[in-house]
Structures are given as structure tokens and as C-alpha cells.
Amino acid sequence: MSRWPKVGQFMERYFAPLRKSRRTTISVLVVGLLRSQWIGLSRVARGMLDATTIRHRIKRIGRFFSNEGVCRWAVTQCLVELLMRPDRQSLVAVDWTDRGDDMLLIATLCWGRRPSCLDGGKGCPRHPGRYPCVK
């Protein structure tokens, strides 16, 4: 039995606020990424599992990412609720990166060992003294 339908089941379970068609499209894109193991548009399209041509798959990807009706905050909320368990403390490292005319917010969820800054250490474990701890 193929493992790819499990991606769709995962989307149904954790991304219920999204419309079914959008969950399906994201599932197909994830399968394309996993199968191709490349981020390039044509490679993702080649990895997608459907009965259409690569050209139509590329158009589908373009339509999805240019669709202003897809609420990025709803997707983000679903991911946060999935990853941030209420019974555990989590550390999120946040950085604003200057990209010329634009700023990019990078947030990383730190798993594993408890970072020293949560135990009274001085600053970020990777950059001691550079980033103060916020408790």
C-alpha cells in the first residue's frame, strides 16, 4: 500500500479550517516535494501524483500560490497548534533579516534539550551574550 494517502489524511486531521480543495492541493504539493526532493517548480510538478501533464501541474502550483484567498495566517495557526503542545514549554527563536527592500521574519521552533537561556544562562546558546533571554 502506498504511503502517499497518509499525507492527505494528515491534512484532513490538522488543517480542517482550510477548504477541502486547498487541503487537497497542499497535499499534492507536499507529495511532489517528498517524491522529487527538490524545491524547483518543474521538479515538484514531476513528483506530483495525478493524471495530468507536467505543464498543467505547473499551472496548478502557480494558481495556488497566486491565490489571495489562501489565508496564510490560518495555515500558520494550524501548524502552531500542531507543533506547540500545551503541556510542554517551547522556545521559539525569532530573527528579522534585512533583505534589501524587504524584511524577512524567521522563526525557529527549538526542540530537544532545554536551552541554557531558559535555565538562567546568558543569552542565546549559539550566540552567547548577543541575544538577551526573555522569560
N, C-alpha and C. Protein backbone atom coordinates (compact mmCIF):
# COMPACT_ATOMS: atom_id res chain seq x y z
N MET A 1 0.83 -1.18 0.00
CA MET A 1 0.00 0.00 0.00
C MET A 1 0.88 1.25 0.00
N SER A 2 0.49 2.23 -0.74
CA SER A 2 1.27 3.47 -0.86
C SER A 2 1.14 4.31 0.41
N ARG A 3 2.20 4.99 0.75
CA ARG A 3 2.18 5.85 1.93
C ARG A 3 1.69 7.25 1.62
N TRP A 4 1.52 7.59 0.36
CA TRP A 4 1.14 8.95 -0.02
C TRP A 4 -0.26 9.36 0.42
N PRO A 5 -1.24 8.47 0.48
CA PRO A 5 -2.55 8.89 1.01
C PRO A 5 -2.51 9.38 2.46
N LYS A 6 -1.49 8.98 3.19
CA LYS A 6 -1.36 9.43 4.59
C LYS A 6 -1.13 10.93 4.67
N VAL A 7 -0.53 11.52 3.63
CA VAL A 7 -0.35 12.98 3.61
C VAL A 7 -1.72 13.65 3.60
N GLY A 8 -2.63 13.13 2.77
CA GLY A 8 -4.00 13.67 2.71
C GLY A 8 -4.73 13.50 4.04
N GLN A 9 -4.55 12.36 4.68
CA GLN A 9 -5.18 12.12 5.98
C GLN A 9 -4.64 13.09 7.03
N PHE A 10 -3.34 13.34 6.99
CA PHE A 10 -2.71 14.30 7.89
C PHE A 10 -3.32 15.69 7.68
N MET A 11 -3.47 16.10 6.43
CA MET A 11 -4.04 17.41 6.12
C MET A 11 -5.49 17.50 6.61
N GLU A 12 -6.26 16.45 6.42
CA GLU A 12 -7.65 16.44 6.87
C GLU A 12 -7.73 16.61 8.38
N ARG A 13 -6.79 15.97 9.08
CA ARG A 13 -6.84 15.99 10.54
C ARG A 13 -6.40 17.33 11.13
N TYR A 14 -5.29 17.88 10.62
CA TYR A 14 -4.70 19.04 11.26
C TYR A 14 -4.99 20.37 10.58
N PHE A 15 -5.50 20.34 9.37
CA PHE A 15 -5.76 21.58 8.64
C PHE A 15 -7.23 21.72 8.28
N ALA A 16 -8.09 21.32 9.17
CA ALA A 16 -9.53 21.36 8.94
C ALA A 16 -10.08 22.74 8.62
N PRO A 17 -9.52 23.85 9.15
CA PRO A 17 -10.07 25.17 8.82
C PRO A 17 -9.96 25.54 7.34
N LEU A 18 -9.05 24.90 6.62
CA LEU A 18 -8.91 25.20 5.20
C LEU A 18 -9.98 24.48 4.38
N ARG A 19 -10.33 25.08 3.25
CA ARG A 19 -11.29 24.41 2.36
C ARG A 19 -10.70 23.10 1.85
N LYS A 20 -11.58 22.14 1.56
CA LYS A 20 -11.14 20.82 1.12
C LYS A 20 -10.26 20.89 -0.12
N SER A 21 -10.62 21.73 -1.08
CA SER A 21 -9.82 21.83 -2.31
C SER A 21 -8.41 22.34 -2.02
N ARG A 22 -8.27 23.24 -1.06
CA ARG A 22 -6.95 23.76 -0.71
C ARG A 22 -6.13 22.73 0.06
N ARG A 23 -6.79 21.97 0.93
CA ARG A 23 -6.09 20.89 1.62
C ARG A 23 -5.59 19.86 0.61
N THR A 24 -6.42 19.56 -0.38
CA THR A 24 -6.03 18.60 -1.41
C THR A 24 -4.83 19.11 -2.19
N THR A 25 -4.85 20.37 -2.57
CA THR A 25 -3.74 20.94 -3.34
C THR A 25 -2.45 20.94 -2.52
N ILE A 26 -2.53 21.32 -1.25
CA ILE A 26 -1.34 21.30 -0.41
C ILE A 26 -0.82 19.87 -0.27
N SER A 27 -1.72 18.91 -0.12
CA SER A 27 -1.31 17.50 -0.02
C SER A 27 -0.57 17.06 -1.27
N VAL A 28 -1.08 17.41 -2.42
CA VAL A 28 -0.45 17.04 -3.69
C VAL A 28 0.92 17.70 -3.82
N LEU A 29 1.02 18.96 -3.39
CA LEU A 29 2.31 19.66 -3.42
C LEU A 29 3.33 19.01 -2.48
N VAL A 30 2.88 18.64 -1.29
CA VAL A 30 3.78 18.00 -0.33
C VAL A 30 4.28 16.68 -0.88
N VAL A 31 3.39 15.90 -1.48
CA VAL A 31 3.80 14.63 -2.08
C VAL A 31 4.81 14.89 -3.20
N GLY A 32 4.57 15.92 -4.00
CA GLY A 32 5.51 16.28 -5.07
C GLY A 32 6.88 16.64 -4.52
N LEU A 33 6.89 17.41 -3.43
CA LEU A 33 8.16 17.77 -2.79
C LEU A 33 8.87 16.54 -2.23
N LEU A 34 8.13 15.68 -1.55
CA LEU A 34 8.73 14.50 -0.94
C LEU A 34 9.25 13.52 -1.99
N ARG A 35 8.50 13.34 -3.06
CA ARG A 35 8.92 12.40 -4.10
C ARG A 35 10.11 12.93 -4.90
N SER A 36 10.11 14.22 -5.21
CA SER A 36 11.18 14.77 -6.04
C SER A 36 12.41 15.15 -5.23
N GLN A 37 12.18 15.53 -3.97
CA GLN A 37 13.23 16.00 -3.07
C GLN A 37 13.97 17.20 -3.65
N TRP A 38 13.24 18.01 -4.40
CA TRP A 38 13.74 19.26 -4.97
C TRP A 38 12.69 20.33 -4.77
N ILE A 39 13.13 21.59 -4.68
CA ILE A 39 12.20 22.69 -4.48
C ILE A 39 11.82 23.34 -5.81
N GLY A 40 12.52 23.06 -6.88
CA GLY A 40 12.23 23.66 -8.17
C GLY A 40 10.82 23.36 -8.66
N LEU A 41 10.23 24.32 -9.33
CA LEU A 41 8.84 24.20 -9.79
C LEU A 41 8.62 22.98 -10.67
N SER A 42 9.46 22.79 -11.67
CA SER A 42 9.26 21.65 -12.58
C SER A 42 9.52 20.32 -11.88
N ARG A 43 10.47 20.31 -10.94
CA ARG A 43 10.75 19.07 -10.21
C ARG A 43 9.59 18.69 -9.31
N VAL A 44 9.01 19.68 -8.63
CA VAL A 44 7.84 19.40 -7.78
C VAL A 44 6.70 18.89 -8.65
N ALA A 45 6.49 19.52 -9.80
CA ALA A 45 5.42 19.10 -10.71
C ALA A 45 5.64 17.67 -11.18
N ARG A 46 6.88 17.29 -11.44
CA ARG A 46 7.18 15.91 -11.86
C ARG A 46 6.90 14.92 -10.73
N GLY A 47 7.06 15.35 -9.48
CA GLY A 47 6.83 14.46 -8.35
C GLY A 47 5.37 14.31 -7.97
N MET A 48 4.51 15.20 -8.48
CA MET A 48 3.08 15.13 -8.12
C MET A 48 2.44 13.90 -8.75
N LEU A 49 1.49 13.31 -8.02
CA LEU A 49 0.81 12.11 -8.49
C LEU A 49 -0.59 12.45 -8.97
N ASP A 50 -0.74 12.72 -10.23
CA ASP A 50 -2.07 12.86 -10.81
C ASP A 50 -1.97 12.55 -12.31
N ALA A 51 -3.09 12.48 -12.96
CA ALA A 51 -3.14 12.02 -14.35
C ALA A 51 -2.98 13.16 -15.36
N THR A 52 -2.47 14.32 -14.95
CA THR A 52 -2.31 15.44 -15.86
C THR A 52 -0.87 15.54 -16.34
N THR A 53 -0.63 16.45 -17.27
CA THR A 53 0.72 16.66 -17.77
C THR A 53 1.49 17.57 -16.82
N ILE A 54 2.80 17.58 -16.98
CA ILE A 54 3.64 18.43 -16.13
C ILE A 54 3.26 19.89 -16.32
N ARG A 55 2.95 20.27 -17.54
CA ARG A 55 2.56 21.65 -17.83
C ARG A 55 1.35 22.07 -16.99
N HIS A 56 0.35 21.19 -16.90
CA HIS A 56 -0.85 21.51 -16.12
C HIS A 56 -0.57 21.50 -14.62
N ARG A 57 0.34 20.66 -14.20
CA ARG A 57 0.71 20.65 -12.78
C ARG A 57 1.40 21.96 -12.40
N ILE A 58 2.28 22.45 -13.27
CA ILE A 58 2.96 23.73 -13.02
C ILE A 58 1.93 24.85 -12.93
N LYS A 59 0.94 24.83 -13.82
CA LYS A 59 -0.13 25.85 -13.77
C LYS A 59 -0.89 25.75 -12.46
N ARG A 60 -1.14 24.54 -12.00
CA ARG A 60 -1.87 24.34 -10.74
C ARG A 60 -1.09 24.94 -9.56
N ILE A 61 0.22 24.70 -9.55
CA ILE A 61 1.07 25.25 -8.49
C ILE A 61 1.02 26.78 -8.53
N GLY A 62 1.15 27.34 -9.74
CA GLY A 62 1.13 28.80 -9.88
C GLY A 62 -0.19 29.41 -9.43
N ARG A 63 -1.29 28.78 -9.81
CA ARG A 63 -2.61 29.29 -9.39
C ARG A 63 -2.77 29.23 -7.89
N PHE A 64 -2.28 28.15 -7.28
CA PHE A 64 -2.42 28.02 -5.83
C PHE A 64 -1.63 29.11 -5.10
N PHE A 65 -0.38 29.32 -5.49
CA PHE A 65 0.46 30.29 -4.78
C PHE A 65 0.09 31.73 -5.09
N SER A 66 -0.59 31.97 -6.21
CA SER A 66 -1.02 33.34 -6.51
C SER A 66 -2.43 33.63 -5.99
N ASN A 67 -3.08 32.62 -5.43
CA ASN A 67 -4.45 32.77 -4.93
C ASN A 67 -4.43 33.58 -3.63
N GLU A 68 -5.01 34.77 -3.68
CA GLU A 68 -5.05 35.61 -2.49
C GLU A 68 -6.08 35.15 -1.48
N GLY A 69 -6.92 34.20 -1.86
CA GLY A 69 -7.92 33.68 -0.94
C GLY A 69 -7.35 32.70 0.07
N VAL A 70 -6.13 32.22 -0.16
CA VAL A 70 -5.48 31.32 0.79
C VAL A 70 -4.96 32.16 1.95
N CYS A 71 -5.50 31.93 3.11
CA CYS A 71 -5.13 32.71 4.30
C CYS A 71 -3.90 32.09 4.95
N ARG A 72 -2.76 32.75 4.78
CA ARG A 72 -1.50 32.23 5.34
C ARG A 72 -1.55 32.14 6.86
N TRP A 73 -2.31 33.05 7.49
CA TRP A 73 -2.39 33.02 8.94
C TRP A 73 -3.16 31.80 9.43
N ALA A 74 -4.15 31.36 8.67
CA ALA A 74 -4.89 30.15 9.05
C ALA A 74 -3.98 28.93 8.98
N VAL A 75 -3.15 28.86 7.94
CA VAL A 75 -2.20 27.75 7.82
C VAL A 75 -1.19 27.80 8.96
N THR A 76 -0.69 29.01 9.26
CA THR A 76 0.27 29.17 10.35
C THR A 76 -0.34 28.75 11.68
N GLN A 77 -1.59 29.13 11.91
CA GLN A 77 -2.26 28.76 13.16
C GLN A 77 -2.36 27.24 13.27
N CYS A 78 -2.71 26.57 12.18
CA CYS A 78 -2.80 25.11 12.21
C CYS A 78 -1.44 24.49 12.54
N LEU A 79 -0.37 25.02 11.95
CA LEU A 79 0.97 24.49 12.22
C LEU A 79 1.38 24.72 13.66
N VAL A 80 1.10 25.91 14.18
CA VAL A 80 1.47 26.21 15.57
C VAL A 80 0.72 25.30 16.52
N GLU A 81 -0.57 25.10 16.29
CA GLU A 81 -1.35 24.23 17.17
C GLU A 81 -0.87 22.79 17.10
N LEU A 82 -0.36 22.38 15.94
CA LEU A 82 0.16 21.03 15.78
C LEU A 82 1.49 20.87 16.50
N LEU A 83 2.37 21.86 16.37
CA LEU A 83 3.73 21.74 16.88
C LEU A 83 3.90 22.15 18.33
N MET A 84 3.10 23.10 18.80
CA MET A 84 3.27 23.63 20.15
C MET A 84 2.29 22.93 21.08
N ARG A 85 2.79 21.98 21.84
CA ARG A 85 1.93 21.24 22.75
C ARG A 85 1.70 22.05 24.01
N PRO A 86 0.47 22.10 24.51
CA PRO A 86 0.19 22.92 25.70
C PRO A 86 0.82 22.38 26.98
N ASP A 87 1.20 21.11 27.00
CA ASP A 87 1.76 20.53 28.22
C ASP A 87 3.28 20.67 28.30
N ARG A 88 3.91 21.34 27.31
CA ARG A 88 5.35 21.49 27.30
C ARG A 88 5.74 22.95 27.07
N GLN A 89 6.88 23.31 27.62
CA GLN A 89 7.44 24.63 27.35
C GLN A 89 8.15 24.56 26.01
N SER A 90 8.01 25.60 25.21
CA SER A 90 8.67 25.63 23.92
C SER A 90 9.47 26.92 23.80
N LEU A 91 10.55 26.84 23.07
CA LEU A 91 11.37 28.01 22.80
C LEU A 91 11.28 28.30 21.31
N VAL A 92 10.93 29.53 20.99
CA VAL A 92 10.88 29.95 19.59
C VAL A 92 11.92 31.05 19.41
N ALA A 93 12.89 30.79 18.55
CA ALA A 93 13.92 31.79 18.25
C ALA A 93 13.42 32.62 17.07
N VAL A 94 13.40 33.94 17.24
CA VAL A 94 12.87 34.83 16.22
C VAL A 94 13.96 35.80 15.77
N ASP A 95 14.04 36.04 14.46
CA ASP A 95 15.03 36.95 13.91
C ASP A 95 14.43 37.70 12.73
N TRP A 96 14.67 39.00 12.67
CA TRP A 96 14.29 39.79 11.50
C TRP A 96 15.52 39.90 10.62
N THR A 97 15.44 39.46 9.38
CA THR A 97 16.56 39.50 8.45
C THR A 97 16.30 40.56 7.39
N ASP A 98 17.27 41.44 7.19
CA ASP A 98 17.16 42.51 6.20
C ASP A 98 17.43 41.93 4.82
N ARG A 99 16.45 42.05 3.93
CA ARG A 99 16.58 41.54 2.56
C ARG A 99 16.53 42.70 1.57
N GLY A 100 17.27 43.75 1.82
CA GLY A 100 17.27 44.91 0.93
C GLY A 100 16.04 45.76 1.15
N ASP A 101 15.11 45.71 0.22
CA ASP A 101 13.88 46.49 0.32
C ASP A 101 12.85 45.85 1.24
N ASP A 102 13.12 44.66 1.72
CA ASP A 102 12.13 43.90 2.47
C ASP A 102 12.77 43.33 3.73
N MET A 103 11.94 43.04 4.71
CA MET A 103 12.39 42.36 5.92
C MET A 103 11.75 40.98 5.96
N LEU A 104 12.49 40.00 6.40
CA LEU A 104 12.00 38.63 6.47
C LEU A 104 12.03 38.20 7.92
N LEU A 105 10.90 37.71 8.42
CA LEU A 105 10.83 37.21 9.78
C LEU A 105 11.11 35.71 9.75
N ILE A 106 12.10 35.31 10.51
CA ILE A 106 12.44 33.90 10.60
C ILE A 106 12.15 33.45 12.02
N ALA A 107 11.34 32.43 12.17
CA ALA A 107 11.03 31.88 13.49
C ALA A 107 11.38 30.39 13.47
N THR A 108 12.08 29.97 14.48
CA THR A 108 12.50 28.58 14.57
C THR A 108 12.01 28.00 15.88
N LEU A 109 11.36 26.87 15.79
CA LEU A 109 10.91 26.16 16.99
C LEU A 109 12.04 25.24 17.43
N CYS A 110 12.54 25.45 18.63
CA CYS A 110 13.67 24.68 19.14
C CYS A 110 13.16 23.49 19.95
N TRP A 111 13.50 22.29 19.51
CA TRP A 111 13.12 21.07 20.22
C TRP A 111 14.35 20.44 20.83
N GLY A 112 14.13 19.48 21.65
CA GLY A 112 15.26 18.73 22.20
C GLY A 112 15.64 19.24 23.57
N ARG A 113 16.97 19.35 23.80
CA ARG A 113 17.47 19.78 25.09
C ARG A 113 16.96 21.16 25.46
N ARG A 114 16.80 21.37 26.73
CA ARG A 114 16.37 22.67 27.24
C ARG A 114 17.53 23.65 27.07
N PRO A 115 17.36 24.74 26.32
CA PRO A 115 18.44 25.69 26.09
C PRO A 115 18.90 26.35 27.39
N SER A 116 20.18 26.69 27.45
CA SER A 116 20.75 27.26 28.67
C SER A 116 20.10 28.58 29.04
N CYS A 117 19.58 29.32 28.05
CA CYS A 117 18.99 30.62 28.39
C CYS A 117 17.71 30.46 29.20
N LEU A 118 17.06 29.30 29.15
CA LEU A 118 15.87 29.09 29.97
C LEU A 118 16.25 28.66 31.38
N ASP A 119 17.50 28.27 31.57
CA ASP A 119 17.97 27.85 32.89
C ASP A 119 18.79 28.93 33.57
N GLY A 120 18.60 30.19 33.18
CA GLY A 120 19.32 31.29 33.82
C GLY A 120 20.65 31.61 33.17
N GLY A 121 20.91 31.04 31.99
CA GLY A 121 22.15 31.35 31.28
C GLY A 121 22.12 32.76 30.72
N LYS A 122 23.15 33.13 30.00
CA LYS A 122 23.25 34.48 29.48
C LYS A 122 23.11 34.47 27.97
N GLY A 123 21.92 34.68 27.49
CA GLY A 123 21.73 34.84 26.05
C GLY A 123 21.47 33.55 25.31
N CYS A 124 21.48 33.69 24.03
CA CYS A 124 21.18 32.58 23.13
C CYS A 124 22.33 31.57 23.15
N PRO A 125 22.02 30.25 23.16
CA PRO A 125 23.08 29.24 23.22
C PRO A 125 24.06 29.34 22.05
N ARG A 126 23.61 29.74 20.87
CA ARG A 126 24.51 29.82 19.72
C ARG A 126 25.28 31.13 19.68
N HIS A 127 24.72 32.18 20.25
CA HIS A 127 25.36 33.49 20.25
C HIS A 127 25.34 34.05 21.67
N PRO A 128 26.18 33.51 22.58
CA PRO A 128 26.11 33.95 23.97
C PRO A 128 26.36 35.44 24.11
N GLY A 129 25.52 36.07 24.91
CA GLY A 129 25.65 37.49 25.17
C GLY A 129 25.07 38.40 24.09
N ARG A 130 24.80 37.85 22.93
CA ARG A 130 24.29 38.67 21.83
C ARG A 130 22.80 38.91 21.95
N TYR A 131 22.06 37.87 22.30
CA TYR A 131 20.61 37.99 22.42
C TYR A 131 20.21 37.74 23.87
N PRO A 132 19.65 38.72 24.53
CA PRO A 132 19.27 38.51 25.92
C PRO A 132 18.09 37.55 26.02
N CYS A 133 18.01 36.89 27.14
CA CYS A 133 16.90 35.98 27.38
C CYS A 133 15.64 36.74 27.75
N VAL A 134 14.55 36.26 27.26
CA VAL A 134 13.25 36.82 27.64
C VAL A 134 12.51 35.70 28.34
N LYS A 135 12.13 35.95 29.59
CA LYS A 135 11.44 34.89 30.34
C LYS A 135 10.00 35.25 30.52
